[in-house]
Amino acid sequence: MFIEEYYSEENQRVSFTRQQASDFAKEIADDFNPIHDVDAKRFCVPGDLLFSIILAKSGLNSKMTFNFSGMVTDTVALAFPTQVTASAQVLDDNGKEYMNYAVSGEHSKCETLIDSLIRSYVEFSGHTFPQILGNLMEKNNVMINPARPMIMYQSMEIDLDTLNLTEVSLELNEQETILTVDGKRGQAKLKFDLLSNGKVVGHGVKYMVLSALREYCHEQMSEVNTRFYAIKDAYYANKK
């Protein structure tokens, strides 16, 4: 599967170079969060890359729930289960957990379907900021700290009606996508529909935690967006 070029494996342990993780973030997820840059001081492997490897190795179930519990760096080697009956963990050699997940329902190892779901979900997920979260913050009159944004991937759920499919696409369910604010902390619930050939075949939700919230300032958020798109434009300009 295409995902194999974004990680390395030795002795049944998966690891990542900064370049592999950064390339996945930018080229597959269209995610330009600075925390995924090769030279980032607080470098972190994208959570969506871990999700993708799980599907590639253990397959897809019609119902899956993923919880992210630790930040993966380029110094960590992880064990990914290849068979899961009910639940599993992604651990390092010291037993530290970075992710846990639960599965149920139908199971499939169809590479065509899994490839389609990975690409569709990761692209959707990568556009969470600034597009989706930006609109939610403005609507709720709050924003993250522009100098040090704190947005953490918390969990994700997928619920497919059937796995008798070959391709899947995602569409944001704007009516059920909300931001709940409690003081300086917020939880974003991003609801999405799963479609195949134009028909809804399931649903999903992504949860994110936002910290250090303060009153919304249009000028400051505009500067954040301008910097974000400048970084993105510069990246693609250098790729030509």
C-alpha atoms as a PDB file:
ATOM      1  CA  MET A   1       0.000   0.000   0.000  1.00  0.00           C
ATOM      2  CA  PHE A   2       1.073   3.593  -0.606  1.00  0.00           C
ATOM      3  CA  ILE A   3       1.301   4.216   3.136  1.00  0.00           C
ATOM      4  CA  GLU A   4       4.435   2.053   3.418  1.00  0.00           C
ATOM      5  CA  GLU A   5       6.707   4.807   2.105  1.00  0.00           C
ATOM      6  CA  TYR A   6       5.897   6.979   5.126  1.00  0.00           C
ATOM      7  CA  TYR A   7       7.352   4.695   7.790  1.00  0.00           C
ATOM      8  CA  SER A   8      10.170   2.198   8.308  1.00  0.00           C
ATOM      9  CA  GLU A   9       9.909  -1.258   9.856  1.00  0.00           C
ATOM     10  CA  GLU A  10      12.517  -3.479  11.457  1.00  0.00           C
ATOM     11  CA  ASN A  11      12.017  -6.447  13.806  1.00  0.00           C
ATOM     12  CA  GLN A  12       8.250  -5.811  13.751  1.00  0.00           C
ATOM     13  CA  ARG A  13       8.760  -2.278  15.090  1.00  0.00           C
ATOM     14  CA  VAL A  14       7.570   0.774  13.176  1.00  0.00           C
ATOM     15  CA  SER A  15       9.509   4.031  13.294  1.00  0.00           C
ATOM     16  CA  PHE A  16       9.458   7.320  11.438  1.00  0.00           C
ATOM     17  CA  THR A  17      12.036   9.749  10.159  1.00  0.00           C
ATOM     18  CA  ARG A  18      11.105  13.377  10.415  1.00  0.00           C
ATOM     19  CA  GLN A  19      11.075  13.553   6.636  1.00  0.00           C
ATOM     20  CA  GLN A  20       8.658  10.634   6.288  1.00  0.00           C
ATOM     21  CA  ALA A  21       6.211  12.076   8.809  1.00  0.00           C
ATOM     22  CA  SER A  22       6.480  15.583   7.387  1.00  0.00           C
ATOM     23  CA  ASP A  23       5.957  14.348   3.827  1.00  0.00           C
ATOM     24  CA  PHE A  24       2.840  12.456   4.899  1.00  0.00           C
ATOM     25  CA  ALA A  25       1.423  15.523   6.633  1.00  0.00           C
ATOM     26  CA  LYS A  26       1.979  17.811   3.660  1.00  0.00           C
ATOM     27  CA  GLU A  27       1.577  15.546   0.643  1.00  0.00           C
ATOM     28  CA  ILE A  28      -1.225  13.250   1.817  1.00  0.00           C
ATOM     29  CA  ALA A  29      -3.065  15.259   4.484  1.00  0.00           C
ATOM     30  CA  ASP A  30      -2.347  18.750   3.094  1.00  0.00           C
ATOM     31  CA  ASP A  31      -1.562  19.565   6.744  1.00  0.00           C
ATOM     32  CA  PHE A  32       0.922  22.383   7.332  1.00  0.00           C
ATOM     33  CA  ASN A  33       0.869  22.445  11.105  1.00  0.00           C
ATOM     34  CA  PRO A  34       4.427  23.552  12.068  1.00  0.00           C
ATOM     35  CA  ILE A  35       4.644  20.724  14.616  1.00  0.00           C
ATOM     36  CA  HIS A  36       5.091  18.343  11.659  1.00  0.00           C
ATOM     37  CA  ASP A  37       7.953  20.299  10.081  1.00  0.00           C
ATOM     38  CA  VAL A  38      11.279  18.487   9.770  1.00  0.00           C
ATOM     39  CA  ASP A  39      13.048  21.128  11.870  1.00  0.00           C
ATOM     40  CA  ALA A  40      10.275  21.617  14.449  1.00  0.00           C
ATOM     41  CA  LYS A  41      11.521  21.927  18.031  1.00  0.00           C
ATOM     42  CA  ARG A  42       8.472  20.031  19.338  1.00  0.00           C
ATOM     43  CA  PHE A  43       8.206  17.593  16.425  1.00  0.00           C
ATOM     44  CA  CYS A  44       5.262  15.188  16.346  1.00  0.00           C
ATOM     45  CA  VAL A  45       4.280  12.430  13.922  1.00  0.00           C
ATOM     46  CA  PRO A  46       0.729  13.083  12.613  1.00  0.00           C
ATOM     47  CA  GLY A  47      -1.928  11.080  14.430  1.00  0.00           C
ATOM     48  CA  ASP A  48      -3.526  10.360  11.073  1.00  0.00           C
ATOM     49  CA  LEU A  49      -0.378   8.493  10.033  1.00  0.00           C
ATOM     50  CA  LEU A  50      -0.819   6.150  13.022  1.00  0.00           C
ATOM     51  CA  PHE A  51      -4.481   5.664  12.077  1.00  0.00           C
ATOM     52  CA  SER A  52      -3.456   4.848   8.501  1.00  0.00           C
ATOM     53  CA  ILE A  53      -0.892   2.246   9.577  1.00  0.00           C
ATOM     54  CA  ILE A  54      -3.463   0.535  11.816  1.00  0.00           C
ATOM     55  CA  LEU A  55      -5.848   0.108   8.877  1.00  0.00           C
ATOM     56  CA  ALA A  56      -3.033  -1.040   6.582  1.00  0.00           C
ATOM     57  CA  LYS A  57      -1.813  -3.665   9.060  1.00  0.00           C
ATOM     58  CA  SER A  58      -4.927  -4.985  10.814  1.00  0.00           C
ATOM     59  CA  GLY A  59      -7.652  -4.096   8.324  1.00  0.00           C
ATOM     60  CA  LEU A  60     -10.900  -2.162   8.468  1.00  0.00           C
ATOM     61  CA  ASN A  61     -13.897  -2.901  10.687  1.00  0.00           C
ATOM     62  CA  SER A  62     -17.322  -1.409  10.173  1.00  0.00           C
ATOM     63  CA  LYS A  63     -17.131   0.144  13.647  1.00  0.00           C
ATOM     64  CA  MET A  64     -13.851   1.564  14.945  1.00  0.00           C
ATOM     65  CA  THR A  65     -12.949   3.967  17.762  1.00  0.00           C
ATOM     66  CA  PHE A  66      -9.457   5.461  18.128  1.00  0.00           C
ATOM     67  CA  ASN A  67      -8.071   7.277  21.176  1.00  0.00           C
ATOM     68  CA  PHE A  68      -4.795   9.194  21.013  1.00  0.00           C
ATOM     69  CA  SER A  69      -2.829   9.128  24.246  1.00  0.00           C
ATOM     70  CA  GLY A  70       0.733  10.208  23.447  1.00  0.00           C
ATOM     71  CA  MET A  71       2.824  12.274  21.042  1.00  0.00           C
ATOM     72  CA  VAL A  72       5.041  10.175  18.767  1.00  0.00           C
ATOM     73  CA  THR A  73       8.460  11.561  17.839  1.00  0.00           C
ATOM     74  CA  ASP A  74      11.137  10.372  15.435  1.00  0.00           C
ATOM     75  CA  THR A  75      12.959   8.643  18.313  1.00  0.00           C
ATOM     76  CA  VAL A  76      10.109   6.207  19.059  1.00  0.00           C
ATOM     77  CA  ALA A  77       9.627   2.665  17.695  1.00  0.00           C
ATOM     78  CA  LEU A  78       6.120   1.235  17.941  1.00  0.00           C
ATOM     79  CA  ALA A  79       4.460  -2.180  17.805  1.00  0.00           C
ATOM     80  CA  PHE A  80       1.272  -2.295  15.717  1.00  0.00           C
ATOM     81  CA  PRO A  81      -1.000  -5.342  16.088  1.00  0.00           C
ATOM     82  CA  THR A  82      -1.791  -7.190  12.857  1.00  0.00           C
ATOM     83  CA  GLN A  83      -4.908  -8.918  14.184  1.00  0.00           C
ATOM     84  CA  VAL A  84      -7.508  -7.301  16.445  1.00  0.00           C
ATOM     85  CA  THR A  85     -10.658  -8.983  17.731  1.00  0.00           C
ATOM     86  CA  ALA A  86     -12.049  -6.342  20.079  1.00  0.00           C
ATOM     87  CA  SER A  87      -9.417  -3.843  21.226  1.00  0.00           C
ATOM     88  CA  ALA A  88      -5.696  -3.152  20.959  1.00  0.00           C
ATOM     89  CA  GLN A  89      -2.954  -0.706  21.865  1.00  0.00           C
ATOM     90  CA  VAL A  90      -0.030   0.863  20.045  1.00  0.00           C
ATOM     91  CA  LEU A  91       2.938   0.649  22.437  1.00  0.00           C
ATOM     92  CA  ASP A  92       6.658   1.359  22.447  1.00  0.00           C
ATOM     93  CA  ASP A  93       9.254  -1.095  23.779  1.00  0.00           C
ATOM     94  CA  ASN A  94       8.863   0.352  27.286  1.00  0.00           C
ATOM     95  CA  GLY A  95       5.137  -0.365  27.321  1.00  0.00           C
ATOM     96  CA  LYS A  96       4.125   3.265  26.948  1.00  0.00           C
ATOM     97  CA  GLU A  97       0.812   3.670  25.141  1.00  0.00           C
ATOM     98  CA  TYR A  98       0.439   6.130  22.277  1.00  0.00           C
ATOM     99  CA  MET A  99      -2.916   5.009  20.966  1.00  0.00           C
ATOM    100  CA  ASN A 100      -5.683   2.545  21.758  1.00  0.00           C
ATOM    101  CA  TYR A 101      -8.600   1.445  19.650  1.00  0.00           C
ATOM    102  CA  ALA A 102     -11.679  -0.766  19.670  1.00  0.00           C
ATOM    103  CA  VAL A 103     -13.261  -2.591  16.737  1.00  0.00           C
ATOM    104  CA  SER A 104     -16.460  -4.498  16.040  1.00  0.00           C
ATOM    105  CA  GLY A 105     -18.705  -5.548  13.179  1.00  0.00           C
ATOM    106  CA  GLU A 106     -17.621  -6.660   9.717  1.00  0.00           C
ATOM    107  CA  HIS A 107     -13.937  -6.898   8.860  1.00  0.00           C
ATOM    108  CA  SER A 108     -12.165  -6.336   5.555  1.00  0.00           C
ATOM    109  CA  LYS A 109      -8.613  -6.243   4.278  1.00  0.00           C
ATOM    110  CA  CYS A 110      -9.586  -4.938   0.845  1.00  0.00           C
ATOM    111  CA  GLU A 111      -6.648  -2.712  -0.082  1.00  0.00           C
ATOM    112  CA  THR A 112      -8.705  -0.683  -2.547  1.00  0.00           C
ATOM    113  CA  LEU A 113     -11.305   0.242   0.085  1.00  0.00           C
ATOM    114  CA  ILE A 114      -8.721   0.862   2.810  1.00  0.00           C
ATOM    115  CA  ASP A 115      -6.617   3.023   0.510  1.00  0.00           C
ATOM    116  CA  SER A 116      -9.685   5.067  -0.431  1.00  0.00           C
ATOM    117  CA  LEU A 117     -10.758   5.552   3.193  1.00  0.00           C
ATOM    118  CA  ILE A 118      -7.263   6.514   4.338  1.00  0.00           C
ATOM    119  CA  ARG A 119      -6.832   9.110   1.598  1.00  0.00           C
ATOM    120  CA  SER A 120     -10.333  10.550   2.052  1.00  0.00           C
ATOM    121  CA  TYR A 121     -10.245  10.733   5.841  1.00  0.00           C
ATOM    122  CA  VAL A 122      -6.693  12.053   6.086  1.00  0.00           C
ATOM    123  CA  GLU A 123      -7.384  14.809   3.562  1.00  0.00           C
ATOM    124  CA  PHE A 124     -10.520  15.790   5.481  1.00  0.00           C
ATOM    125  CA  SER A 125      -8.682  15.666   8.798  1.00  0.00           C
ATOM    126  CA  GLY A 126      -5.767  17.701   7.485  1.00  0.00           C
ATOM    127  CA  HIS A 127      -8.100  20.561   6.604  1.00  0.00           C
ATOM    128  CA  THR A 128      -9.414  20.807  10.154  1.00  0.00           C
ATOM    129  CA  PHE A 129      -7.318  23.942  10.690  1.00  0.00           C
ATOM    130  CA  PRO A 130      -7.713  26.681   9.738  1.00  0.00           C
ATOM    131  CA  GLN A 131     -10.878  26.012   7.752  1.00  0.00           C
ATOM    132  CA  ILE A 132     -13.251  24.118  10.054  1.00  0.00           C
ATOM    133  CA  LEU A 133     -11.872  25.150  13.452  1.00  0.00           C
ATOM    134  CA  GLY A 134     -11.508  28.754  12.300  1.00  0.00           C
ATOM    135  CA  ASN A 135     -15.235  28.959  11.563  1.00  0.00           C
ATOM    136  CA  LEU A 136     -16.145  27.291  14.854  1.00  0.00           C
ATOM    137  CA  MET A 137     -13.954  29.625  16.903  1.00  0.00           C
ATOM    138  CA  GLU A 138     -15.348  32.734  15.242  1.00  0.00           C
ATOM    139  CA  LYS A 139     -18.900  31.471  15.763  1.00  0.00           C
ATOM    140  CA  ASN A 140     -18.190  30.962  19.488  1.00  0.00           C
ATOM    141  CA  ASN A 141     -16.199  34.220  19.873  1.00  0.00           C
ATOM    142  CA  VAL A 142     -13.057  32.423  21.068  1.00  0.00           C
ATOM    143  CA  MET A 143      -9.662  31.673  19.571  1.00  0.00           C
ATOM    144  CA  ILE A 144      -6.448  29.842  20.336  1.00  0.00           C
ATOM    145  CA  ASN A 145      -3.246  31.617  21.335  1.00  0.00           C
ATOM    146  CA  PRO A 146      -1.859  32.886  17.987  1.00  0.00           C
ATOM    147  CA  ALA A 147       1.725  32.694  19.259  1.00  0.00           C
ATOM    148  CA  ARG A 148       1.441  29.155  20.574  1.00  0.00           C
ATOM    149  CA  PRO A 149      -1.657  27.350  19.329  1.00  0.00           C
ATOM    150  CA  MET A 150      -2.661  24.344  21.438  1.00  0.00           C
ATOM    151  CA  ILE A 151      -4.873  21.941  19.489  1.00  0.00           C
ATOM    152  CA  MET A 152      -4.721  18.247  20.382  1.00  0.00           C
ATOM    153  CA  TYR A 153      -6.170  15.310  18.449  1.00  0.00           C
ATOM    154  CA  GLN A 154      -8.251  13.459  21.059  1.00  0.00           C
ATOM    155  CA  SER A 155     -10.216  10.656  19.387  1.00  0.00           C
ATOM    156  CA  MET A 156     -12.025   9.524  16.272  1.00  0.00           C
ATOM    157  CA  GLU A 157     -14.873   7.157  15.415  1.00  0.00           C
ATOM    158  CA  ILE A 158     -15.978   5.455  12.203  1.00  0.00           C
ATOM    159  CA  ASP A 159     -19.291   3.649  11.728  1.00  0.00           C
ATOM    160  CA  LEU A 160     -19.902   2.101   8.297  1.00  0.00           C
ATOM    161  CA  ASP A 161     -23.195   0.437   7.372  1.00  0.00           C
ATOM    162  CA  THR A 162     -21.412  -2.024   5.096  1.00  0.00           C
ATOM    163  CA  LEU A 163     -17.916  -2.907   3.919  1.00  0.00           C
ATOM    164  CA  ASN A 164     -19.154  -4.138   0.552  1.00  0.00           C
ATOM    165  CA  LEU A 165     -17.577  -1.072  -1.031  1.00  0.00           C
ATOM    166  CA  THR A 166     -14.584  -0.152  -3.158  1.00  0.00           C
ATOM    167  CA  GLU A 167     -14.387   3.594  -2.520  1.00  0.00           C
ATOM    168  CA  VAL A 168     -15.407   6.020   0.205  1.00  0.00           C
ATOM    169  CA  SER A 169     -15.449   9.801   0.410  1.00  0.00           C
ATOM    170  CA  LEU A 170     -16.098  12.144   3.345  1.00  0.00           C
ATOM    171  CA  GLU A 171     -18.301  15.161   3.700  1.00  0.00           C
ATOM    172  CA  LEU A 172     -18.510  17.460   6.731  1.00  0.00           C
ATOM    173  CA  ASN A 173     -21.858  17.445   8.520  1.00  0.00           C
ATOM    174  CA  GLU A 174     -21.965  21.137   9.387  1.00  0.00           C
ATOM    175  CA  GLN A 175     -25.196  20.948  11.386  1.00  0.00           C
ATOM    176  CA  GLU A 176     -23.718  18.478  13.885  1.00  0.00           C
ATOM    177  CA  THR A 177     -20.214  19.973  13.988  1.00  0.00           C
ATOM    178  CA  ILE A 178     -19.863  22.026  17.166  1.00  0.00           C
ATOM    179  CA  LEU A 179     -17.371  23.596  19.558  1.00  0.00           C
ATOM    180  CA  THR A 180     -18.156  23.325  23.278  1.00  0.00           C
ATOM    181  CA  VAL A 181     -16.341  25.946  25.368  1.00  0.00           C
ATOM    182  CA  ASP A 182     -15.599  25.629  29.094  1.00  0.00           C
ATOM    183  CA  GLY A 183     -13.509  28.578  30.253  1.00  0.00           C
ATOM    184  CA  LYS A 184     -10.147  28.504  28.481  1.00  0.00           C
ATOM    185  CA  ARG A 185     -10.674  24.994  27.184  1.00  0.00           C
ATOM    186  CA  GLY A 186     -12.814  23.760  24.346  1.00  0.00           C
ATOM    187  CA  GLN A 187     -13.743  20.503  22.639  1.00  0.00           C
ATOM    188  CA  ALA A 188     -14.466  20.430  18.927  1.00  0.00           C
ATOM    189  CA  LYS A 189     -16.779  17.708  17.648  1.00  0.00           C
ATOM    190  CA  LEU A 190     -16.369  17.371  13.888  1.00  0.00           C
ATOM    191  CA  LYS A 191     -19.104  15.171  12.474  1.00  0.00           C
ATOM    192  CA  PHE A 192     -18.793  13.754   8.969  1.00  0.00           C
ATOM    193  CA  ASP A 193     -20.760  11.538   6.612  1.00  0.00           C
ATOM    194  CA  LEU A 194     -19.174   8.666   4.684  1.00  0.00           C
ATOM    195  CA  LEU A 195     -20.346   8.345   1.094  1.00  0.00           C
ATOM    196  CA  SER A 196     -19.902   5.879  -1.761  1.00  0.00           C
ATOM    197  CA  ASN A 197     -21.185   6.633  -5.264  1.00  0.00           C
ATOM    198  CA  GLY A 198     -23.101   9.582  -3.854  1.00  0.00           C
ATOM    199  CA  LYS A 199     -24.924   7.510  -1.225  1.00  0.00           C
ATOM    200  CA  VAL A 200     -24.431   7.879   2.535  1.00  0.00           C
ATOM    201  CA  VAL A 201     -22.947   4.598   3.796  1.00  0.00           C
ATOM    202  CA  GLY A 202     -21.906   5.615   7.307  1.00  0.00           C
ATOM    203  CA  HIS A 203     -20.868   8.348   9.675  1.00  0.00           C
ATOM    204  CA  GLY A 204     -17.914   9.385  11.767  1.00  0.00           C
ATOM    205  CA  VAL A 205     -16.718  11.968  14.236  1.00  0.00           C
ATOM    206  CA  LYS A 206     -13.373  13.517  15.155  1.00  0.00           C
ATOM    207  CA  TYR A 207     -12.798  15.105  18.567  1.00  0.00           C
ATOM    208  CA  MET A 208     -10.161  17.736  19.240  1.00  0.00           C
ATOM    209  CA  VAL A 209      -9.204  19.660  22.378  1.00  0.00           C
ATOM    210  CA  LEU A 210      -8.353  23.362  22.215  1.00  0.00           C
ATOM    211  CA  SER A 211      -6.479  24.994  25.098  1.00  0.00           C
ATOM    212  CA  ALA A 212      -5.598  28.532  26.223  1.00  0.00           C
ATOM    213  CA  LEU A 213      -8.685  30.030  24.604  1.00  0.00           C
ATOM    214  CA  ARG A 214      -9.269  33.767  24.689  1.00  0.00           C
ATOM    215  CA  GLU A 215     -11.694  36.271  23.153  1.00  0.00           C
ATOM    216  CA  TYR A 216     -11.806  36.157  19.377  1.00  0.00           C
ATOM    217  CA  CYS A 217      -9.847  38.829  17.516  1.00  0.00           C
ATOM    218  CA  HIS A 218     -10.432  38.960  13.776  1.00  0.00           C
ATOM    219  CA  GLU A 219      -7.152  40.759  13.034  1.00  0.00           C
ATOM    220  CA  GLN A 220      -5.018  38.253  14.950  1.00  0.00           C
ATOM    221  CA  MET A 221      -6.728  35.237  13.393  1.00  0.00           C
ATOM    222  CA  SER A 222      -6.331  36.787   9.955  1.00  0.00           C
ATOM    223  CA  GLU A 223      -2.596  37.011  10.620  1.00  0.00           C
ATOM    224  CA  VAL A 224      -2.536  33.340  11.669  1.00  0.00           C
ATOM    225  CA  ASN A 225      -4.323  32.355   8.455  1.00  0.00           C
ATOM    226  CA  THR A 226      -2.020  34.507   6.339  1.00  0.00           C
ATOM    227  CA  ARG A 227       1.064  32.858   7.852  1.00  0.00           C
ATOM    228  CA  PHE A 228      -0.432  29.414   7.381  1.00  0.00           C
ATOM    229  CA  TYR A 229      -1.161  29.889   3.684  1.00  0.00           C
ATOM    230  CA  ALA A 230       2.195  31.579   3.106  1.00  0.00           C
ATOM    231  CA  ILE A 231       3.955  28.491   4.478  1.00  0.00           C
ATOM    232  CA  LYS A 232       1.803  26.253   2.278  1.00  0.00           C
ATOM    233  CA  ASP A 233       2.404  28.339  -0.846  1.00  0.00           C
ATOM    234  CA  ALA A 234       6.159  28.411  -0.198  1.00  0.00           C
ATOM    235  CA  TYR A 235       6.253  24.629   0.166  1.00  0.00           C
ATOM    236  CA  TYR A 236       4.545  24.011  -3.156  1.00  0.00           C
ATOM    237  CA  ALA A 237       6.620  26.683  -4.872  1.00  0.00           C
ATOM    238  CA  ASN A 238       9.791  24.867  -3.784  1.00  0.00           C
ATOM    239  CA  LYS A 239       8.395  21.567  -5.089  1.00  0.00           C
ATOM    240  CA  LYS A 240       8.203  22.897  -8.665  1.00  0.00           C
END
